[in-house]
Amino acid sequence: MAATISQTTGKSEAEANQMIDNLERSAQQAKETGAQAANTTGATFIALAISMFLGAVAAALGSLAATAPRFAPPYRGAGERAGARAEAGTYASR
């Protein structure tokens, strides 16, 4: 390979070998940098997924708290009509 490079470029075989070594070194560095970027991206997306899940839980709990009744409405028994006076001692008479 070095011979082909030296013939094509007009450089000596030693220079061609040096070019090959430099290219191999650069390729290895690019591979390592790509692996680091992939690991960082993966960790970021895992953290993002966890934070989105926690946000969904917080939103659900907030909506439940916002729509929960402040007090229980009075119970109306089978014999009571709407608007009828409640008997003493029931929730509505307090």
C-alpha atoms as a PDB file:
ATOM      1  CA  MET A   1       0.000   0.000   0.000  1.00  0.00           C
ATOM      2  CA  ALA A   2       2.848   2.375   0.837  1.00  0.00           C
ATOM      3  CA  ALA A   3       4.387   1.647  -2.545  1.00  0.00           C
ATOM      4  CA  THR A   4       1.173   2.586  -4.335  1.00  0.00           C
ATOM      5  CA  ILE A   5       0.907   5.815  -2.351  1.00  0.00           C
ATOM      6  CA  SER A   6       4.550   6.724  -3.021  1.00  0.00           C
ATOM      7  CA  GLN A   7       4.104   6.097  -6.763  1.00  0.00           C
ATOM      8  CA  THR A   8       0.886   8.098  -6.932  1.00  0.00           C
ATOM      9  CA  THR A   9       2.009  11.059  -4.846  1.00  0.00           C
ATOM     10  CA  GLY A  10       5.687  11.057  -5.777  1.00  0.00           C
ATOM     11  CA  LYS A  11       6.768  10.816  -2.118  1.00  0.00           C
ATOM     12  CA  SER A  12       9.194   8.316  -0.665  1.00  0.00           C
ATOM     13  CA  GLU A  13       8.013   5.063   0.909  1.00  0.00           C
ATOM     14  CA  ALA A  14       8.988   6.339   4.363  1.00  0.00           C
ATOM     15  CA  GLU A  15       6.776   9.389   3.880  1.00  0.00           C
ATOM     16  CA  ALA A  16       3.977   7.164   2.570  1.00  0.00           C
ATOM     17  CA  ASN A  17       4.287   4.927   5.647  1.00  0.00           C
ATOM     18  CA  GLN A  18       4.158   8.018   7.864  1.00  0.00           C
ATOM     19  CA  MET A  19       0.981   9.163   6.089  1.00  0.00           C
ATOM     20  CA  ILE A  20      -0.590   5.722   6.620  1.00  0.00           C
ATOM     21  CA  ASP A  21       0.335   5.774  10.321  1.00  0.00           C
ATOM     22  CA  ASN A  22      -1.144   9.262  10.712  1.00  0.00           C
ATOM     23  CA  LEU A  23      -4.372   8.201   9.000  1.00  0.00           C
ATOM     24  CA  GLU A  24      -4.662   5.064  11.166  1.00  0.00           C
ATOM     25  CA  ARG A  25      -4.057   7.139  14.311  1.00  0.00           C
ATOM     26  CA  SER A  26      -6.684   9.679  13.244  1.00  0.00           C
ATOM     27  CA  ALA A  27      -9.176   6.898  12.493  1.00  0.00           C
ATOM     28  CA  GLN A  28      -8.603   5.370  15.941  1.00  0.00           C
ATOM     29  CA  GLN A  29      -9.096   8.752  17.629  1.00  0.00           C
ATOM     30  CA  ALA A  30     -12.307   9.316  15.660  1.00  0.00           C
ATOM     31  CA  LYS A  31     -13.557   5.878  16.698  1.00  0.00           C
ATOM     32  CA  GLU A  32     -12.859   6.596  20.375  1.00  0.00           C
ATOM     33  CA  THR A  33     -14.494  10.023  20.163  1.00  0.00           C
ATOM     34  CA  GLY A  34     -17.557   8.472  18.526  1.00  0.00           C
ATOM     35  CA  ALA A  35     -17.808   5.870  21.288  1.00  0.00           C
ATOM     36  CA  GLN A  36     -17.625   8.605  23.944  1.00  0.00           C
ATOM     37  CA  ALA A  37     -20.310  10.615  22.162  1.00  0.00           C
ATOM     38  CA  ALA A  38     -22.552   7.548  21.950  1.00  0.00           C
ATOM     39  CA  ASN A  39     -22.153   6.840  25.671  1.00  0.00           C
ATOM     40  CA  THR A  40     -22.863  10.448  26.597  1.00  0.00           C
ATOM     41  CA  THR A  41     -25.909  10.585  24.332  1.00  0.00           C
ATOM     42  CA  GLY A  42     -27.253   7.336  25.780  1.00  0.00           C
ATOM     43  CA  ALA A  43     -26.887   8.572  29.342  1.00  0.00           C
ATOM     44  CA  THR A  44     -28.531  11.867  28.423  1.00  0.00           C
ATOM     45  CA  PHE A  45     -31.535  10.151  26.877  1.00  0.00           C
ATOM     46  CA  ILE A  46     -31.941   7.859  29.885  1.00  0.00           C
ATOM     47  CA  ALA A  47     -31.933  10.890  32.195  1.00  0.00           C
ATOM     48  CA  LEU A  48     -34.402  12.635  29.890  1.00  0.00           C
ATOM     49  CA  ALA A  49     -36.747   9.642  29.930  1.00  0.00           C
ATOM     50  CA  ILE A  50     -36.636   9.487  33.726  1.00  0.00           C
ATOM     51  CA  SER A  51     -37.329  13.207  34.054  1.00  0.00           C
ATOM     52  CA  MET A  52     -40.235  12.973  31.589  1.00  0.00           C
ATOM     53  CA  PHE A  53     -41.713  10.085  33.584  1.00  0.00           C
ATOM     54  CA  LEU A  54     -41.402  12.047  36.825  1.00  0.00           C
ATOM     55  CA  GLY A  55     -43.002  15.056  35.136  1.00  0.00           C
ATOM     56  CA  ALA A  56     -45.922  12.895  34.009  1.00  0.00           C
ATOM     57  CA  VAL A  57     -46.368  11.564  37.548  1.00  0.00           C
ATOM     58  CA  ALA A  58     -46.263  15.108  38.946  1.00  0.00           C
ATOM     59  CA  ALA A  59     -48.825  16.270  36.379  1.00  0.00           C
ATOM     60  CA  ALA A  60     -51.143  13.368  37.218  1.00  0.00           C
ATOM     61  CA  LEU A  61     -50.886  14.017  40.943  1.00  0.00           C
ATOM     62  CA  GLY A  62     -51.434  17.730  40.396  1.00  0.00           C
ATOM     63  CA  SER A  63     -54.543  17.105  38.346  1.00  0.00           C
ATOM     64  CA  LEU A  64     -55.896  14.757  40.990  1.00  0.00           C
ATOM     65  CA  ALA A  65     -55.251  17.342  43.691  1.00  0.00           C
ATOM     66  CA  ALA A  66     -56.881  20.091  41.643  1.00  0.00           C
ATOM     67  CA  THR A  67     -60.035  18.124  40.871  1.00  0.00           C
ATOM     68  CA  ALA A  68     -60.505  16.471  44.268  1.00  0.00           C
ATOM     69  CA  PRO A  69     -63.558  17.715  46.146  1.00  0.00           C
ATOM     70  CA  ARG A  70     -62.769  19.855  49.171  1.00  0.00           C
ATOM     71  CA  PHE A  71     -65.368  18.084  51.291  1.00  0.00           C
ATOM     72  CA  ALA A  72     -67.711  15.174  50.841  1.00  0.00           C
ATOM     73  CA  PRO A  73     -71.236  16.123  49.768  1.00  0.00           C
ATOM     74  CA  PRO A  74     -74.004  15.162  52.165  1.00  0.00           C
ATOM     75  CA  TYR A  75     -75.331  11.688  51.783  1.00  0.00           C
ATOM     76  CA  ARG A  76     -78.955  11.434  50.840  1.00  0.00           C
ATOM     77  CA  GLY A  77     -80.662   8.306  51.939  1.00  0.00           C
ATOM     78  CA  ALA A  78     -83.249   6.471  49.914  1.00  0.00           C
ATOM     79  CA  GLY A  79     -86.119   8.164  51.765  1.00  0.00           C
ATOM     80  CA  GLU A  80     -84.849  11.726  51.388  1.00  0.00           C
ATOM     81  CA  ARG A  81     -85.729  13.993  48.513  1.00  0.00           C
ATOM     82  CA  ALA A  82     -83.604  16.739  47.110  1.00  0.00           C
ATOM     83  CA  GLY A  83     -84.333  19.903  49.065  1.00  0.00           C
ATOM     84  CA  ALA A  84     -86.049  18.117  51.940  1.00  0.00           C
ATOM     85  CA  ARG A  85     -84.887  19.014  55.431  1.00  0.00           C
ATOM     86  CA  ALA A  86     -82.459  16.603  56.890  1.00  0.00           C
ATOM     87  CA  GLU A  87     -83.001  15.043  60.247  1.00  0.00           C
ATOM     88  CA  ALA A  88     -81.037  16.244  63.248  1.00  0.00           C
ATOM     89  CA  GLY A  89     -77.646  14.630  63.539  1.00  0.00           C
ATOM     90  CA  THR A  90     -77.005  14.193  59.814  1.00  0.00           C
ATOM     91  CA  TYR A  91     -74.242  15.853  57.900  1.00  0.00           C
ATOM     92  CA  ALA A  92     -76.528  18.361  56.208  1.00  0.00           C
ATOM     93  CA  SER A  93     -77.889  19.766  59.496  1.00  0.00           C
ATOM     94  CA  ARG A  94     -74.525  20.645  60.980  1.00  0.00           C
END
